[in-house]
Amino acid sequence: GVHMTGDVREQLAANAARRAEIAAAASANEQEERDLIVRAWRENVPPGEIATLVGRSGAHVRKFRPDDVPPAKLGGNAATKKRRK
């Protein structure tokens, strides 16, 4: 009946509100992850270990290597590849 329709509308609205909250939380979590990966690079944690700790690929971890940290496989002044933005 009519009463049930009201319930489903409330549930749809509540679900949408939860989705927005979860999206905001996920976004904050990813930003924090990026900051921590950058910090780990600066503190000389090996990229393979960072990847294992965050449950991500090595490529994901390398994407957030700060420019002032040389790539792990290369020495101090090896040429660095241009990174796509």
C-alpha atoms as a PDB file:
ATOM      1  CA  GLY A   1       0.000   0.000   0.000  1.00  0.00           C
ATOM      2  CA  VAL A   2       0.799   3.668   0.193  1.00  0.00           C
ATOM      3  CA  HIS A   3       2.610   3.232   3.514  1.00  0.00           C
ATOM      4  CA  MET A   4       5.220   0.944   1.956  1.00  0.00           C
ATOM      5  CA  THR A   5       6.066   3.507  -0.737  1.00  0.00           C
ATOM      6  CA  GLY A   6       6.873   6.062   1.949  1.00  0.00           C
ATOM      7  CA  ASP A   7       9.202   3.516   3.544  1.00  0.00           C
ATOM      8  CA  VAL A   8      11.082   2.808   0.333  1.00  0.00           C
ATOM      9  CA  ARG A   9      11.491   6.543  -0.335  1.00  0.00           C
ATOM     10  CA  GLU A  10      12.963   7.017   3.142  1.00  0.00           C
ATOM     11  CA  GLN A  11      15.233   4.037   2.587  1.00  0.00           C
ATOM     12  CA  LEU A  12      16.405   5.397  -0.760  1.00  0.00           C
ATOM     13  CA  ALA A  13      17.195   8.772   0.796  1.00  0.00           C
ATOM     14  CA  ALA A  14      18.965   7.158   3.757  1.00  0.00           C
ATOM     15  CA  ASN A  15      20.970   4.931   1.388  1.00  0.00           C
ATOM     16  CA  ALA A  16      22.036   7.968  -0.673  1.00  0.00           C
ATOM     17  CA  ALA A  17      23.130   9.796   2.476  1.00  0.00           C
ATOM     18  CA  ARG A  18      25.196   6.764   3.554  1.00  0.00           C
ATOM     19  CA  ARG A  19      26.761   6.539   0.099  1.00  0.00           C
ATOM     20  CA  ALA A  20      27.854  10.184   0.334  1.00  0.00           C
ATOM     21  CA  GLU A  21      29.359   9.590   3.789  1.00  0.00           C
ATOM     22  CA  ILE A  22      31.193   6.470   2.617  1.00  0.00           C
ATOM     23  CA  ALA A  23      32.536   8.285  -0.469  1.00  0.00           C
ATOM     24  CA  ALA A  24      33.848  11.118   1.706  1.00  0.00           C
ATOM     25  CA  ALA A  25      35.443   8.659   4.132  1.00  0.00           C
ATOM     26  CA  ALA A  26      37.019   6.682   1.268  1.00  0.00           C
ATOM     27  CA  SER A  27      38.403   9.863  -0.254  1.00  0.00           C
ATOM     28  CA  ALA A  28      39.935  10.931   3.067  1.00  0.00           C
ATOM     29  CA  ASN A  29      41.380   7.430   3.522  1.00  0.00           C
ATOM     30  CA  GLU A  30      43.022   7.530   0.075  1.00  0.00           C
ATOM     31  CA  GLN A  31      44.486  10.978   0.709  1.00  0.00           C
ATOM     32  CA  GLU A  32      45.931   9.737   3.995  1.00  0.00           C
ATOM     33  CA  GLU A  33      47.342   6.677   2.205  1.00  0.00           C
ATOM     34  CA  ARG A  34      49.089   8.898  -0.370  1.00  0.00           C
ATOM     35  CA  ASP A  35      50.590  11.040   2.400  1.00  0.00           C
ATOM     36  CA  LEU A  36      51.804   7.942   4.255  1.00  0.00           C
ATOM     37  CA  ILE A  37      53.321   6.429   1.088  1.00  0.00           C
ATOM     38  CA  VAL A  38      55.232   9.675   0.462  1.00  0.00           C
ATOM     39  CA  ARG A  39      56.418   9.648   4.070  1.00  0.00           C
ATOM     40  CA  ALA A  40      57.498   5.992   3.796  1.00  0.00           C
ATOM     41  CA  TRP A  41      59.551   6.807   0.657  1.00  0.00           C
ATOM     42  CA  ARG A  42      61.246   9.668   2.535  1.00  0.00           C
ATOM     43  CA  GLU A  43      61.970   7.363   5.490  1.00  0.00           C
ATOM     44  CA  ASN A  44      63.627   4.869   3.116  1.00  0.00           C
ATOM     45  CA  VAL A  45      61.071   2.063   3.457  1.00  0.00           C
ATOM     46  CA  PRO A  46      61.661  -0.155   0.386  1.00  0.00           C
ATOM     47  CA  PRO A  47      58.846   0.206  -2.198  1.00  0.00           C
ATOM     48  CA  GLY A  48      58.161  -3.540  -2.180  1.00  0.00           C
ATOM     49  CA  GLU A  49      57.597  -3.397   1.551  1.00  0.00           C
ATOM     50  CA  ILE A  50      55.368  -0.306   1.240  1.00  0.00           C
ATOM     51  CA  ALA A  51      53.308  -2.164  -1.388  1.00  0.00           C
ATOM     52  CA  THR A  52      52.904  -5.192   0.894  1.00  0.00           C
ATOM     53  CA  LEU A  53      51.961  -3.027   3.869  1.00  0.00           C
ATOM     54  CA  VAL A  54      49.279  -1.059   1.988  1.00  0.00           C
ATOM     55  CA  GLY A  55      48.069  -4.028  -0.066  1.00  0.00           C
ATOM     56  CA  ARG A  56      48.761  -2.240  -3.343  1.00  0.00           C
ATOM     57  CA  SER A  57      50.863  -2.873  -6.423  1.00  0.00           C
ATOM     58  CA  GLY A  58      54.445  -1.692  -6.762  1.00  0.00           C
ATOM     59  CA  ALA A  59      53.276   0.554  -9.615  1.00  0.00           C
ATOM     60  CA  HIS A  60      50.771   2.256  -7.292  1.00  0.00           C
ATOM     61  CA  VAL A  61      53.503   2.846  -4.704  1.00  0.00           C
ATOM     62  CA  ARG A  62      55.993   4.158  -7.299  1.00  0.00           C
ATOM     63  CA  LYS A  63      53.376   6.634  -8.552  1.00  0.00           C
ATOM     64  CA  PHE A  64      53.636   8.465  -5.218  1.00  0.00           C
ATOM     65  CA  ARG A  65      57.443   8.537  -4.947  1.00  0.00           C
ATOM     66  CA  PRO A  66      58.300  12.165  -4.166  1.00  0.00           C
ATOM     67  CA  ASP A  67      60.560  13.855  -6.721  1.00  0.00           C
ATOM     68  CA  ASP A  68      63.272  14.434  -4.114  1.00  0.00           C
ATOM     69  CA  VAL A  69      63.664  10.671  -3.526  1.00  0.00           C
ATOM     70  CA  PRO A  70      65.632   8.766  -6.196  1.00  0.00           C
ATOM     71  CA  PRO A  71      63.950   5.636  -7.638  1.00  0.00           C
ATOM     72  CA  ALA A  72      64.875   2.551  -5.622  1.00  0.00           C
ATOM     73  CA  LYS A  73      66.581   0.698  -8.493  1.00  0.00           C
ATOM     74  CA  LEU A  74      68.733   3.659  -9.469  1.00  0.00           C
ATOM     75  CA  GLY A  75      71.601   5.442  -7.796  1.00  0.00           C
ATOM     76  CA  GLY A  76      71.558   9.032  -6.629  1.00  0.00           C
ATOM     77  CA  ASN A  77      71.772  10.928  -9.904  1.00  0.00           C
ATOM     78  CA  ALA A  78      70.291   8.568 -12.469  1.00  0.00           C
ATOM     79  CA  ALA A  79      67.897  10.132 -14.967  1.00  0.00           C
ATOM     80  CA  THR A  80      64.280   9.990 -13.868  1.00  0.00           C
ATOM     81  CA  LYS A  81      61.442   9.290 -16.276  1.00  0.00           C
ATOM     82  CA  LYS A  82      58.897  12.035 -16.824  1.00  0.00           C
ATOM     83  CA  ARG A  83      55.747  11.079 -14.956  1.00  0.00           C
ATOM     84  CA  ARG A  84      52.312  11.445 -16.488  1.00  0.00           C
ATOM     85  CA  LYS A  85      50.131  13.793 -14.487  1.00  0.00           C
END
